[in-house]
């Protein structure tokens, strides 16, 4: 029994020494050794889809009040966040603009704060919710000139996007992306852009 205790105590000491030597060998974050983490769009998923529809407020509902209502569409953007440093970094902020083809349709952000271990890759899932009403307003206001230049109506695009969403028959892009990383005392903003499929 005494031998087992001595063996366990010895193994514990060896484990602590190995742990401490690993920590002692890791460099401290500095401007000279900090490498920007990479942000890569792995894929886009559709967790919620009910088809294409739009009801104007002139349509009497079965229940509730009349209004301008559109079909919802939820996308999930799955990113690979890679830390090339020899120490952990923290992801503090994540934001990007969603584009269907060349049209800006939404800006989304993630409230997730995560640590990415040294030399490892984490995945981040960012949900984005749309509906045909909100997207119609985006096309009519900021996208009006672009619609005119392309010679299409907002209704043509809405139907194309909502009907084609399950097959990703059009490009979905994450544009003007910005991810904020830190490893005290360093803070960096990493820009990213990606298109799926």
N, C-alpha and C. Protein backbone atom coordinates (compact mmCIF):
# COMPACT_ATOMS: atom_id res chain seq x y z
N UNK A 1 0.82 -1.19 0.00
CA UNK A 1 0.00 0.00 0.00
C UNK A 1 0.87 1.26 0.00
N UNK A 2 1.94 1.19 0.80
CA UNK A 2 2.86 2.32 0.89
C UNK A 2 3.51 2.58 -0.47
N UNK A 3 3.83 1.49 -1.21
CA UNK A 3 4.45 1.62 -2.52
C UNK A 3 3.53 2.32 -3.50
N UNK A 4 2.24 1.97 -3.46
CA UNK A 4 1.26 2.59 -4.37
C UNK A 4 1.16 4.09 -4.12
N UNK A 5 1.16 4.47 -2.86
CA UNK A 5 1.09 5.90 -2.51
C UNK A 5 2.31 6.64 -3.00
N UNK A 6 3.50 6.04 -2.79
CA UNK A 6 4.74 6.67 -3.26
C UNK A 6 4.74 6.78 -4.79
N UNK A 7 4.26 5.73 -5.47
CA UNK A 7 4.20 5.75 -6.93
C UNK A 7 3.24 6.84 -7.41
N UNK A 8 2.07 6.95 -6.82
CA UNK A 8 1.11 8.00 -7.19
C UNK A 8 1.66 9.39 -6.92
N UNK A 9 2.32 9.57 -5.78
CA UNK A 9 2.92 10.87 -5.45
C UNK A 9 3.99 11.22 -6.47
N UNK A 10 4.82 10.22 -6.84
CA UNK A 10 5.87 10.45 -7.83
C UNK A 10 5.30 10.82 -9.19
N UNK A 11 4.25 10.11 -9.60
CA UNK A 11 3.59 10.41 -10.89
C UNK A 11 2.96 11.81 -10.88
N UNK A 12 2.40 12.17 -9.74
CA UNK A 12 1.79 13.51 -9.62
C UNK A 12 2.85 14.60 -9.78
N UNK A 13 4.01 14.38 -9.15
CA UNK A 13 5.08 15.37 -9.25
C UNK A 13 5.58 15.47 -10.69
N UNK A 14 5.75 14.33 -11.36
CA UNK A 14 6.20 14.33 -12.76
C UNK A 14 5.18 15.07 -13.63
N UNK A 15 3.89 14.81 -13.40
CA UNK A 15 2.83 15.46 -14.18
C UNK A 15 2.88 16.99 -14.00
N UNK A 16 3.04 17.43 -12.78
CA UNK A 16 3.10 18.88 -12.49
C UNK A 16 4.33 19.50 -13.14
N UNK A 17 5.47 18.81 -13.09
CA UNK A 17 6.69 19.33 -13.72
C UNK A 17 6.54 19.43 -15.23
N UNK A 18 5.92 18.42 -15.84
CA UNK A 18 5.69 18.46 -17.29
C UNK A 18 4.76 19.61 -17.64
N UNK A 19 3.71 19.78 -16.85
CA UNK A 19 2.76 20.88 -17.09
C UNK A 19 3.44 22.23 -16.96
N UNK A 20 4.24 22.41 -15.92
CA UNK A 20 4.93 23.68 -15.72
C UNK A 20 5.97 23.94 -16.80
N UNK A 21 6.65 22.91 -17.26
CA UNK A 21 7.66 23.11 -18.31
C UNK A 21 7.00 23.49 -19.62
N UNK A 22 5.79 22.94 -19.88
CA UNK A 22 5.05 23.31 -21.09
C UNK A 22 4.63 24.76 -21.04
N UNK A 23 4.18 25.23 -19.88
CA UNK A 23 3.76 26.62 -19.74
C UNK A 23 4.95 27.56 -19.84
N UNK A 24 6.08 27.14 -19.28
CA UNK A 24 7.26 28.00 -19.28
C UNK A 24 7.81 28.18 -20.70
N UNK A 25 7.60 27.17 -21.57
CA UNK A 25 8.13 27.25 -22.93
C UNK A 25 7.29 28.08 -23.87
N UNK A 26 6.04 28.33 -23.54
CA UNK A 26 5.16 29.11 -24.43
C UNK A 26 5.52 30.59 -24.36
N UNK A 27 5.67 31.24 -25.52
CA UNK A 27 6.00 32.67 -25.49
C UNK A 27 4.82 33.51 -25.01
N UNK A 28 5.13 34.67 -24.50
CA UNK A 28 4.08 35.61 -24.09
C UNK A 28 3.66 36.41 -25.32
N UNK A 29 2.37 36.75 -25.44
CA UNK A 29 1.90 37.53 -26.59
C UNK A 29 2.61 38.88 -26.68
N UNK A 30 3.00 39.23 -27.89
CA UNK A 30 3.61 40.54 -28.13
C UNK A 30 3.33 40.94 -29.57
N UNK A 31 3.52 42.21 -29.88
CA UNK A 31 3.30 42.69 -31.24
C UNK A 31 4.24 41.99 -32.22
N UNK A 32 5.41 41.59 -31.74
CA UNK A 32 6.40 40.96 -32.62
C UNK A 32 6.04 39.52 -32.98
N UNK A 33 5.38 38.79 -32.06
CA UNK A 33 5.11 37.37 -32.36
C UNK A 33 3.64 37.06 -32.64
N UNK A 34 2.77 38.06 -32.58
CA UNK A 34 1.34 37.81 -32.80
C UNK A 34 1.06 37.62 -34.29
N UNK A 35 0.46 36.49 -34.63
CA UNK A 35 0.05 36.21 -36.00
C UNK A 35 -1.47 36.31 -36.06
N UNK A 36 -1.99 36.95 -37.10
CA UNK A 36 -3.44 37.09 -37.23
C UNK A 36 -4.10 35.73 -37.38
N UNK A 37 -5.13 35.44 -36.57
CA UNK A 37 -5.92 34.23 -36.79
C UNK A 37 -6.62 34.30 -38.15
N UNK A 38 -6.98 33.16 -38.69
CA UNK A 38 -7.68 33.13 -39.98
C UNK A 38 -9.15 32.78 -39.77
N UNK A 39 -9.98 33.37 -40.61
CA UNK A 39 -11.42 33.14 -40.58
C UNK A 39 -11.82 32.62 -41.95
N UNK A 40 -12.32 31.38 -42.00
CA UNK A 40 -12.71 30.78 -43.28
C UNK A 40 -14.14 30.25 -43.18
N UNK A 41 -14.95 30.59 -44.17
CA UNK A 41 -16.33 30.09 -44.20
C UNK A 41 -16.29 28.62 -44.63
N UNK A 42 -16.69 27.73 -43.73
CA UNK A 42 -16.70 26.30 -44.02
C UNK A 42 -17.89 25.95 -44.91
N UNK A 43 -19.08 26.38 -44.48
CA UNK A 43 -20.30 26.15 -45.28
C UNK A 43 -21.46 26.94 -44.70
N UNK A 44 -22.57 26.92 -45.42
CA UNK A 44 -23.81 27.59 -44.98
C UNK A 44 -24.90 26.52 -44.94
N UNK A 45 -25.71 26.55 -43.89
CA UNK A 45 -26.82 25.61 -43.73
C UNK A 45 -28.14 26.37 -43.68
N UNK A 46 -29.22 25.65 -43.92
CA UNK A 46 -30.57 26.22 -43.79
C UNK A 46 -31.31 25.43 -42.71
N UNK A 47 -31.28 25.93 -41.45
CA UNK A 47 -31.97 25.21 -40.37
C UNK A 47 -33.49 25.38 -40.38
N UNK A 48 -33.99 26.45 -41.04
CA UNK A 48 -35.44 26.68 -41.03
C UNK A 48 -35.88 27.24 -42.37
N UNK A 49 -36.86 26.55 -42.99
CA UNK A 49 -37.33 26.96 -44.31
C UNK A 49 -38.78 26.53 -44.47
N UNK A 50 -39.64 27.45 -44.94
CA UNK A 50 -41.06 27.13 -45.13
C UNK A 50 -41.55 27.46 -46.54
N UNK A 51 -40.64 27.73 -47.45
CA UNK A 51 -41.05 28.05 -48.82
C UNK A 51 -41.13 29.55 -49.05
N UNK A 52 -41.79 29.90 -50.15
CA UNK A 52 -41.88 31.30 -50.56
C UNK A 52 -43.32 31.78 -50.49
N UNK A 53 -43.55 32.90 -49.80
CA UNK A 53 -44.85 33.57 -49.81
C UNK A 53 -44.70 35.00 -49.33
N UNK A 54 -45.69 35.79 -49.64
CA UNK A 54 -45.77 37.17 -49.16
C UNK A 54 -47.25 37.54 -49.11
N UNK A 55 -47.70 38.07 -47.96
CA UNK A 55 -49.08 38.52 -47.81
C UNK A 55 -49.09 40.02 -47.57
N UNK A 56 -49.82 40.75 -48.41
CA UNK A 56 -49.98 42.19 -48.20
C UNK A 56 -51.03 42.42 -47.13
N UNK A 57 -51.07 43.63 -46.56
CA UNK A 57 -52.02 43.91 -45.48
C UNK A 57 -53.47 43.94 -45.95
N UNK A 58 -53.69 43.86 -47.26
CA UNK A 58 -55.07 43.81 -47.78
C UNK A 58 -55.66 42.41 -47.68
N UNK A 59 -54.82 41.41 -47.37
CA UNK A 59 -55.30 40.03 -47.26
C UNK A 59 -55.80 39.80 -45.83
N UNK A 60 -57.05 39.34 -45.72
CA UNK A 60 -57.63 39.08 -44.39
C UNK A 60 -57.07 37.77 -43.84
N UNK A 61 -56.48 37.80 -42.65
CA UNK A 61 -55.95 36.57 -42.07
C UNK A 61 -57.05 35.72 -41.45
N UNK A 62 -56.77 34.45 -41.30
CA UNK A 62 -57.70 33.56 -40.62
C UNK A 62 -57.85 33.96 -39.15
N UNK A 63 -56.75 34.30 -38.53
CA UNK A 63 -56.73 34.76 -37.15
C UNK A 63 -55.78 35.95 -37.07
N UNK A 64 -55.99 36.84 -36.09
CA UNK A 64 -55.07 37.95 -35.87
C UNK A 64 -55.32 39.13 -36.78
N UNK A 65 -54.37 40.05 -36.80
CA UNK A 65 -54.52 41.28 -37.58
C UNK A 65 -53.84 41.16 -38.94
N UNK A 66 -54.39 41.88 -39.89
CA UNK A 66 -53.77 41.92 -41.22
C UNK A 66 -52.48 42.72 -41.15
N UNK A 67 -51.54 42.41 -42.03
CA UNK A 67 -50.27 43.12 -42.09
C UNK A 67 -49.48 42.64 -43.28
N UNK A 68 -48.33 43.24 -43.48
CA UNK A 68 -47.43 42.81 -44.54
C UNK A 68 -46.50 41.76 -43.95
N UNK A 69 -46.69 40.50 -44.36
CA UNK A 69 -45.92 39.40 -43.80
C UNK A 69 -45.22 38.63 -44.90
N UNK A 70 -44.00 38.17 -44.60
CA UNK A 70 -43.25 37.41 -45.58
C UNK A 70 -42.70 36.12 -45.02
N UNK A 71 -42.38 35.20 -45.92
CA UNK A 71 -41.85 33.89 -45.54
C UNK A 71 -40.49 34.05 -44.86
N UNK A 72 -40.30 33.37 -43.73
CA UNK A 72 -39.00 33.42 -43.06
C UNK A 72 -38.00 32.49 -43.75
N UNK A 73 -36.75 32.80 -43.57
CA UNK A 73 -35.65 31.96 -44.07
C UNK A 73 -34.50 32.14 -43.09
N UNK A 74 -34.06 31.03 -42.50
CA UNK A 74 -32.91 31.11 -41.59
C UNK A 74 -31.71 30.44 -42.23
N UNK A 75 -30.59 31.13 -42.19
CA UNK A 75 -29.32 30.57 -42.62
C UNK A 75 -28.40 30.47 -41.42
N UNK A 76 -27.49 29.52 -41.46
CA UNK A 76 -26.45 29.41 -40.44
C UNK A 76 -25.11 29.38 -41.16
N UNK A 77 -24.25 30.33 -40.83
CA UNK A 77 -22.92 30.43 -41.41
C UNK A 77 -21.94 29.75 -40.45
N UNK A 78 -21.24 28.72 -40.93
CA UNK A 78 -20.31 27.98 -40.09
C UNK A 78 -18.89 28.33 -40.53
N UNK A 79 -18.14 28.91 -39.58
CA UNK A 79 -16.77 29.38 -39.85
C UNK A 79 -15.75 28.52 -39.12
N UNK A 80 -14.59 28.36 -39.75
CA UNK A 80 -13.42 27.77 -39.10
C UNK A 80 -12.52 28.92 -38.66
N UNK A 81 -12.27 29.00 -37.36
CA UNK A 81 -11.42 30.04 -36.79
C UNK A 81 -10.11 29.37 -36.37
N UNK A 82 -9.02 29.68 -37.06
CA UNK A 82 -7.73 29.04 -36.77
C UNK A 82 -6.77 30.01 -36.08
N UNK A 83 -6.15 29.51 -35.02
CA UNK A 83 -5.16 30.30 -34.27
C UNK A 83 -3.77 29.77 -34.58
N UNK A 84 -2.95 30.51 -35.35
CA UNK A 84 -1.61 30.04 -35.69
C UNK A 84 -0.56 30.35 -34.60
N UNK A 85 -0.98 30.99 -33.53
CA UNK A 85 -0.04 31.41 -32.48
C UNK A 85 0.30 30.26 -31.54
N UNK A 86 1.36 30.46 -30.76
CA UNK A 86 1.79 29.46 -29.78
C UNK A 86 1.17 29.71 -28.41
N UNK A 87 0.13 30.51 -28.39
CA UNK A 87 -0.61 30.79 -27.16
C UNK A 87 -2.08 31.00 -27.55
N UNK A 88 -3.01 30.84 -26.60
CA UNK A 88 -4.42 31.00 -26.92
C UNK A 88 -4.77 32.45 -27.25
N UNK A 89 -5.78 32.61 -28.11
CA UNK A 89 -6.31 33.95 -28.40
C UNK A 89 -7.82 33.92 -28.17
N UNK A 90 -8.35 35.08 -27.85
CA UNK A 90 -9.78 35.19 -27.59
C UNK A 90 -10.46 35.90 -28.75
N UNK A 91 -11.57 35.32 -29.22
CA UNK A 91 -12.43 35.98 -30.20
C UNK A 91 -13.44 36.80 -29.41
N UNK A 92 -13.43 38.12 -29.61
CA UNK A 92 -14.29 39.02 -28.82
C UNK A 92 -15.50 39.54 -29.57
N UNK A 93 -15.39 39.64 -30.89
CA UNK A 93 -16.47 40.25 -31.68
C UNK A 93 -16.40 39.69 -33.08
N UNK A 94 -17.59 39.53 -33.70
CA UNK A 94 -17.66 38.91 -35.04
C UNK A 94 -18.86 39.49 -35.77
N UNK A 95 -18.61 40.08 -36.95
CA UNK A 95 -19.69 40.77 -37.67
C UNK A 95 -19.43 40.70 -39.17
N UNK A 96 -20.51 40.58 -39.97
CA UNK A 96 -20.37 40.58 -41.42
C UNK A 96 -21.70 40.94 -42.08
N UNK A 97 -21.62 41.32 -43.35
CA UNK A 97 -22.80 41.64 -44.15
C UNK A 97 -23.14 40.46 -45.03
N UNK A 98 -24.41 40.06 -45.03
CA UNK A 98 -24.86 38.96 -45.88
C UNK A 98 -25.33 39.53 -47.22
N UNK A 99 -24.85 38.89 -48.28
CA UNK A 99 -25.24 39.31 -49.63
C UNK A 99 -25.81 38.12 -50.38
N UNK A 100 -26.95 38.34 -51.02
CA UNK A 100 -27.48 37.37 -51.97
C UNK A 100 -27.09 37.90 -53.34
N UNK A 101 -26.27 37.15 -54.05
CA UNK A 101 -25.67 37.62 -55.29
C UNK A 101 -24.92 38.92 -54.98
N UNK A 102 -25.27 40.02 -55.64
CA UNK A 102 -24.56 41.28 -55.39
C UNK A 102 -25.34 42.23 -54.50
N UNK A 103 -26.42 41.76 -53.88
CA UNK A 103 -27.29 42.63 -53.09
C UNK A 103 -27.08 42.42 -51.59
N UNK A 104 -26.85 43.51 -50.87
CA UNK A 104 -26.76 43.44 -49.40
C UNK A 104 -28.17 43.22 -48.85
N UNK A 105 -28.33 42.16 -48.05
CA UNK A 105 -29.66 41.86 -47.53
C UNK A 105 -29.74 41.87 -45.99
N UNK A 106 -28.59 41.85 -45.32
CA UNK A 106 -28.64 41.85 -43.86
C UNK A 106 -27.22 42.03 -43.31
N UNK A 107 -27.12 42.51 -42.09
CA UNK A 107 -25.85 42.53 -41.38
C UNK A 107 -26.05 41.78 -40.08
N UNK A 108 -25.18 40.81 -39.82
CA UNK A 108 -25.34 39.97 -38.63
C UNK A 108 -24.06 39.99 -37.81
N UNK A 109 -24.22 39.65 -36.55
CA UNK A 109 -23.06 39.57 -35.66
C UNK A 109 -23.26 38.41 -34.70
N UNK A 110 -22.18 38.00 -34.09
CA UNK A 110 -22.25 36.93 -33.10
C UNK A 110 -21.84 37.48 -31.74
N UNK A 111 -22.64 37.19 -30.70
CA UNK A 111 -22.26 37.63 -29.35
C UNK A 111 -21.30 36.66 -28.67
N UNK A 112 -20.94 35.57 -29.36
CA UNK A 112 -20.08 34.55 -28.76
C UNK A 112 -18.69 35.08 -28.48
N UNK A 113 -18.20 34.79 -27.30
CA UNK A 113 -16.81 35.05 -26.96
C UNK A 113 -16.17 33.68 -26.73
N UNK A 114 -15.09 33.40 -27.44
CA UNK A 114 -14.47 32.08 -27.30
C UNK A 114 -12.95 32.18 -27.30
N UNK A 115 -12.35 31.23 -26.62
CA UNK A 115 -10.90 31.08 -26.65
C UNK A 115 -10.56 30.04 -27.70
N UNK A 116 -9.55 30.35 -28.51
CA UNK A 116 -9.06 29.40 -29.50
C UNK A 116 -7.67 28.96 -29.02
N UNK A 117 -7.50 27.67 -28.70
CA UNK A 117 -6.20 27.22 -28.19
C UNK A 117 -5.08 27.41 -29.21
N UNK A 118 -3.86 27.39 -28.71
CA UNK A 118 -2.68 27.57 -29.56
C UNK A 118 -2.64 26.51 -30.65
N UNK A 119 -2.50 26.96 -31.91
CA UNK A 119 -2.37 26.05 -33.03
C UNK A 119 -3.61 25.27 -33.39
N UNK A 120 -4.75 25.61 -32.83
CA UNK A 120 -5.99 24.84 -33.05
C UNK A 120 -7.01 25.64 -33.86
N UNK A 121 -8.07 24.92 -34.27
CA UNK A 121 -9.16 25.52 -35.04
C UNK A 121 -10.48 25.25 -34.33
N UNK A 122 -11.23 26.30 -34.07
CA UNK A 122 -12.59 26.19 -33.51
C UNK A 122 -13.59 26.45 -34.62
N UNK A 123 -14.82 25.99 -34.41
CA UNK A 123 -15.90 26.35 -35.33
C UNK A 123 -16.86 27.31 -34.64
N UNK A 124 -17.33 28.27 -35.42
CA UNK A 124 -18.30 29.25 -34.93
C UNK A 124 -19.51 29.22 -35.85
N UNK A 125 -20.69 29.05 -35.26
CA UNK A 125 -21.95 29.05 -36.02
C UNK A 125 -22.64 30.38 -35.78
N UNK A 126 -22.94 31.10 -36.88
CA UNK A 126 -23.59 32.40 -36.77
C UNK A 126 -24.94 32.32 -37.49
N UNK A 127 -26.06 32.37 -36.76
CA UNK A 127 -27.37 32.33 -37.41
C UNK A 127 -27.74 33.69 -38.00
N UNK A 128 -28.47 33.66 -39.10
CA UNK A 128 -28.96 34.89 -39.74
C UNK A 128 -30.40 34.64 -40.17
N UNK A 129 -31.30 35.51 -39.73
CA UNK A 129 -32.72 35.35 -40.03
C UNK A 129 -33.16 36.38 -41.05
N UNK A 130 -33.95 35.95 -42.01
CA UNK A 130 -34.49 36.82 -43.06
C UNK A 130 -35.98 36.54 -43.20
N UNK A 131 -36.69 37.48 -43.79
CA UNK A 131 -38.04 37.20 -44.27
C UNK A 131 -38.27 38.03 -45.53
N UNK A 132 -39.25 37.64 -46.30
CA UNK A 132 -39.44 38.32 -47.58
C UNK A 132 -39.84 39.78 -47.39
N UNK A 133 -40.51 40.13 -46.31
CA UNK A 133 -40.88 41.53 -46.08
C UNK A 133 -39.65 42.39 -45.82
N UNK A 134 -38.83 41.98 -44.90
CA UNK A 134 -37.63 42.74 -44.56
C UNK A 134 -36.69 42.84 -45.76
N UNK A 135 -36.56 41.75 -46.51
CA UNK A 135 -35.67 41.74 -47.67
C UNK A 135 -36.24 42.61 -48.79
N UNK A 136 -37.56 42.63 -48.93
CA UNK A 136 -38.21 43.51 -49.92
C UNK A 136 -37.88 44.97 -49.61
N UNK A 137 -37.99 45.36 -48.34
CA UNK A 137 -37.69 46.74 -47.96
C UNK A 137 -36.23 47.08 -48.22
N UNK A 138 -35.34 46.13 -47.98
CA UNK A 138 -33.92 46.35 -48.26
C UNK A 138 -33.69 46.57 -49.75
N UNK A 139 -34.38 45.80 -50.56
CA UNK A 139 -34.24 45.94 -52.02
C UNK A 139 -34.84 47.25 -52.52
N UNK A 140 -35.95 47.66 -51.92
CA UNK A 140 -36.62 48.88 -52.39
C UNK A 140 -35.88 50.15 -51.99
N UNK A 141 -35.24 50.14 -50.82
CA UNK A 141 -34.58 51.36 -50.36
C UNK A 141 -33.11 51.41 -50.76
N UNK A 142 -32.22 50.71 -50.05
CA UNK A 142 -30.81 50.84 -50.44
C UNK A 142 -30.49 50.21 -51.80
N UNK A 143 -31.28 49.19 -52.21
CA UNK A 143 -30.95 48.48 -53.45
C UNK A 143 -31.65 48.98 -54.69
N UNK A 144 -32.39 50.08 -54.61
CA UNK A 144 -33.21 50.55 -55.74
C UNK A 144 -32.39 50.81 -56.99
N UNK A 145 -31.27 51.50 -56.86
CA UNK A 145 -30.44 51.82 -58.03
C UNK A 145 -29.85 50.55 -58.65
N UNK A 146 -29.46 49.65 -57.79
CA UNK A 146 -28.89 48.39 -58.27
C UNK A 146 -29.92 47.57 -59.04
N UNK A 147 -31.17 47.57 -58.56
CA UNK A 147 -32.25 46.88 -59.27
C UNK A 147 -32.42 47.46 -60.66
N UNK A 148 -32.41 48.79 -60.74
CA UNK A 148 -32.58 49.47 -62.02
C UNK A 148 -31.44 49.12 -62.97
N UNK A 149 -30.21 49.14 -62.47
CA UNK A 149 -29.05 48.82 -63.29
C UNK A 149 -29.11 47.40 -63.84
N UNK A 150 -29.62 46.46 -63.02
CA UNK A 150 -29.67 45.06 -63.45
C UNK A 150 -30.95 44.73 -64.22
N UNK A 151 -31.91 45.65 -64.22
CA UNK A 151 -33.15 45.44 -64.97
C UNK A 151 -34.02 44.34 -64.41
N UNK A 152 -34.06 44.23 -63.07
CA UNK A 152 -34.91 43.23 -62.42
C UNK A 152 -35.81 43.91 -61.39
N UNK A 153 -36.88 43.23 -61.02
CA UNK A 153 -37.77 43.75 -59.98
C UNK A 153 -37.43 43.06 -58.66
N UNK A 154 -37.80 43.67 -57.54
CA UNK A 154 -37.55 43.00 -56.26
C UNK A 154 -38.30 41.68 -56.14
N UNK A 155 -39.48 41.61 -56.74
CA UNK A 155 -40.28 40.39 -56.67
C UNK A 155 -39.60 39.24 -57.41
N UNK A 156 -38.96 39.54 -58.52
CA UNK A 156 -38.22 38.50 -59.25
C UNK A 156 -37.09 37.94 -58.40
N UNK A 157 -36.37 38.83 -57.74
CA UNK A 157 -35.27 38.38 -56.90
C UNK A 157 -35.75 37.60 -55.68
N UNK A 158 -36.79 38.10 -55.01
CA UNK A 158 -37.31 37.39 -53.83
C UNK A 158 -37.72 35.97 -54.18
N UNK A 159 -38.45 35.83 -55.28
CA UNK A 159 -38.88 34.48 -55.67
C UNK A 159 -37.68 33.60 -56.03
N UNK A 160 -36.74 34.16 -56.77
CA UNK A 160 -35.54 33.41 -57.14
C UNK A 160 -34.77 32.94 -55.90
N UNK A 161 -34.59 33.83 -54.92
CA UNK A 161 -33.82 33.49 -53.74
C UNK A 161 -34.55 32.51 -52.83
N UNK A 162 -35.83 32.75 -52.57
CA UNK A 162 -36.55 31.87 -51.64
C UNK A 162 -36.80 30.49 -52.25
N UNK A 163 -37.11 30.43 -53.54
CA UNK A 163 -37.32 29.13 -54.18
C UNK A 163 -36.00 28.39 -54.34
N UNK A 164 -34.93 29.14 -54.64
CA UNK A 164 -33.63 28.51 -54.88
C UNK A 164 -32.79 28.27 -53.65
N UNK A 165 -33.23 28.74 -52.48
CA UNK A 165 -32.42 28.62 -51.27
C UNK A 165 -32.06 27.18 -50.90
N UNK A 166 -32.99 26.23 -50.92
CA UNK A 166 -32.62 24.86 -50.51
C UNK A 166 -31.49 24.25 -51.35
N UNK A 167 -31.39 24.67 -52.61
CA UNK A 167 -30.35 24.12 -53.49
C UNK A 167 -29.13 25.04 -53.59
N UNK A 168 -29.17 26.19 -52.92
CA UNK A 168 -28.11 27.20 -53.04
C UNK A 168 -27.82 27.46 -54.52
N UNK A 169 -28.88 27.78 -55.25
CA UNK A 169 -28.75 28.02 -56.69
C UNK A 169 -28.27 29.44 -57.00
N UNK A 170 -27.92 30.19 -55.98
CA UNK A 170 -27.36 31.53 -56.15
C UNK A 170 -26.26 31.70 -55.09
N UNK A 171 -25.36 32.64 -55.32
CA UNK A 171 -24.25 32.87 -54.38
C UNK A 171 -24.73 33.58 -53.12
N UNK A 172 -24.31 33.06 -51.99
CA UNK A 172 -24.52 33.70 -50.69
C UNK A 172 -23.13 34.11 -50.19
N UNK A 173 -22.96 35.38 -49.89
CA UNK A 173 -21.64 35.87 -49.48
C UNK A 173 -21.68 36.49 -48.10
N UNK A 174 -20.55 36.35 -47.43
CA UNK A 174 -20.29 37.08 -46.18
C UNK A 174 -19.26 38.13 -46.55
N UNK A 175 -19.67 39.39 -46.56
CA UNK A 175 -18.81 40.47 -47.02
C UNK A 175 -18.52 41.44 -45.89
N UNK A 176 -17.44 42.21 -46.05
CA UNK A 176 -17.08 43.25 -45.08
C UNK A 176 -17.00 42.70 -43.66
N UNK A 177 -16.53 41.46 -43.54
CA UNK A 177 -16.45 40.83 -42.23
C UNK A 177 -15.33 41.39 -41.39
N UNK A 178 -15.55 41.40 -40.08
CA UNK A 178 -14.54 41.86 -39.13
C UNK A 178 -14.63 41.01 -37.87
N UNK A 179 -13.51 40.39 -37.51
CA UNK A 179 -13.42 39.60 -36.28
C UNK A 179 -12.35 40.24 -35.40
N UNK A 180 -12.68 40.45 -34.13
CA UNK A 180 -11.74 41.08 -33.20
C UNK A 180 -11.17 39.99 -32.29
N UNK A 181 -9.83 39.88 -32.31
CA UNK A 181 -9.12 38.89 -31.50
C UNK A 181 -8.22 39.61 -30.50
N UNK A 182 -7.99 38.94 -29.35
CA UNK A 182 -7.07 39.53 -28.38
C UNK A 182 -6.28 38.44 -27.68
N UNK A 183 -5.07 38.81 -27.31
CA UNK A 183 -4.21 38.02 -26.44
C UNK A 183 -3.41 39.09 -25.71
N UNK A 184 -3.83 39.40 -24.50
CA UNK A 184 -3.32 40.58 -23.78
C UNK A 184 -1.80 40.66 -23.87
N UNK A 185 -1.29 41.80 -24.25
CA UNK A 185 -1.92 43.11 -24.42
C UNK A 185 -2.30 43.42 -25.87
N UNK A 186 -2.30 42.42 -26.76
CA UNK A 186 -2.53 42.64 -28.20
C UNK A 186 -4.01 42.51 -28.53
N UNK A 187 -4.53 43.42 -29.38
CA UNK A 187 -5.87 43.31 -29.95
C UNK A 187 -5.76 43.57 -31.43
N UNK A 188 -6.37 42.69 -32.24
CA UNK A 188 -6.31 42.84 -33.69
C UNK A 188 -7.69 42.64 -34.29
N UNK A 189 -7.97 43.40 -35.36
CA UNK A 189 -9.19 43.21 -36.15
C UNK A 189 -8.77 42.50 -37.43
N UNK A 190 -9.39 41.36 -37.71
CA UNK A 190 -9.09 40.58 -38.90
C UNK A 190 -10.28 40.69 -39.85
N UNK A 191 -10.02 41.15 -41.07
CA UNK A 191 -11.06 41.29 -42.09
C UNK A 191 -11.22 39.95 -42.82
N UNK A 192 -12.45 39.67 -43.26
CA UNK A 192 -12.69 38.46 -44.03
C UNK A 192 -13.86 38.64 -44.98
N UNK A 193 -13.84 37.89 -46.07
CA UNK A 193 -14.90 37.83 -47.06
C UNK A 193 -14.95 36.39 -47.55
N UNK A 194 -16.15 35.90 -47.88
CA UNK A 194 -16.27 34.54 -48.40
C UNK A 194 -17.58 34.39 -49.15
N UNK A 195 -17.62 33.44 -50.06
CA UNK A 195 -18.83 33.16 -50.84
C UNK A 195 -19.11 31.67 -50.78
N UNK A 196 -20.40 31.32 -50.70
CA UNK A 196 -20.85 29.93 -50.70
C UNK A 196 -21.98 29.80 -51.70
N UNK A 197 -22.08 28.76 -52.52
CA UNK A 197 -21.15 27.62 -52.55
C UNK A 197 -19.90 27.96 -53.33
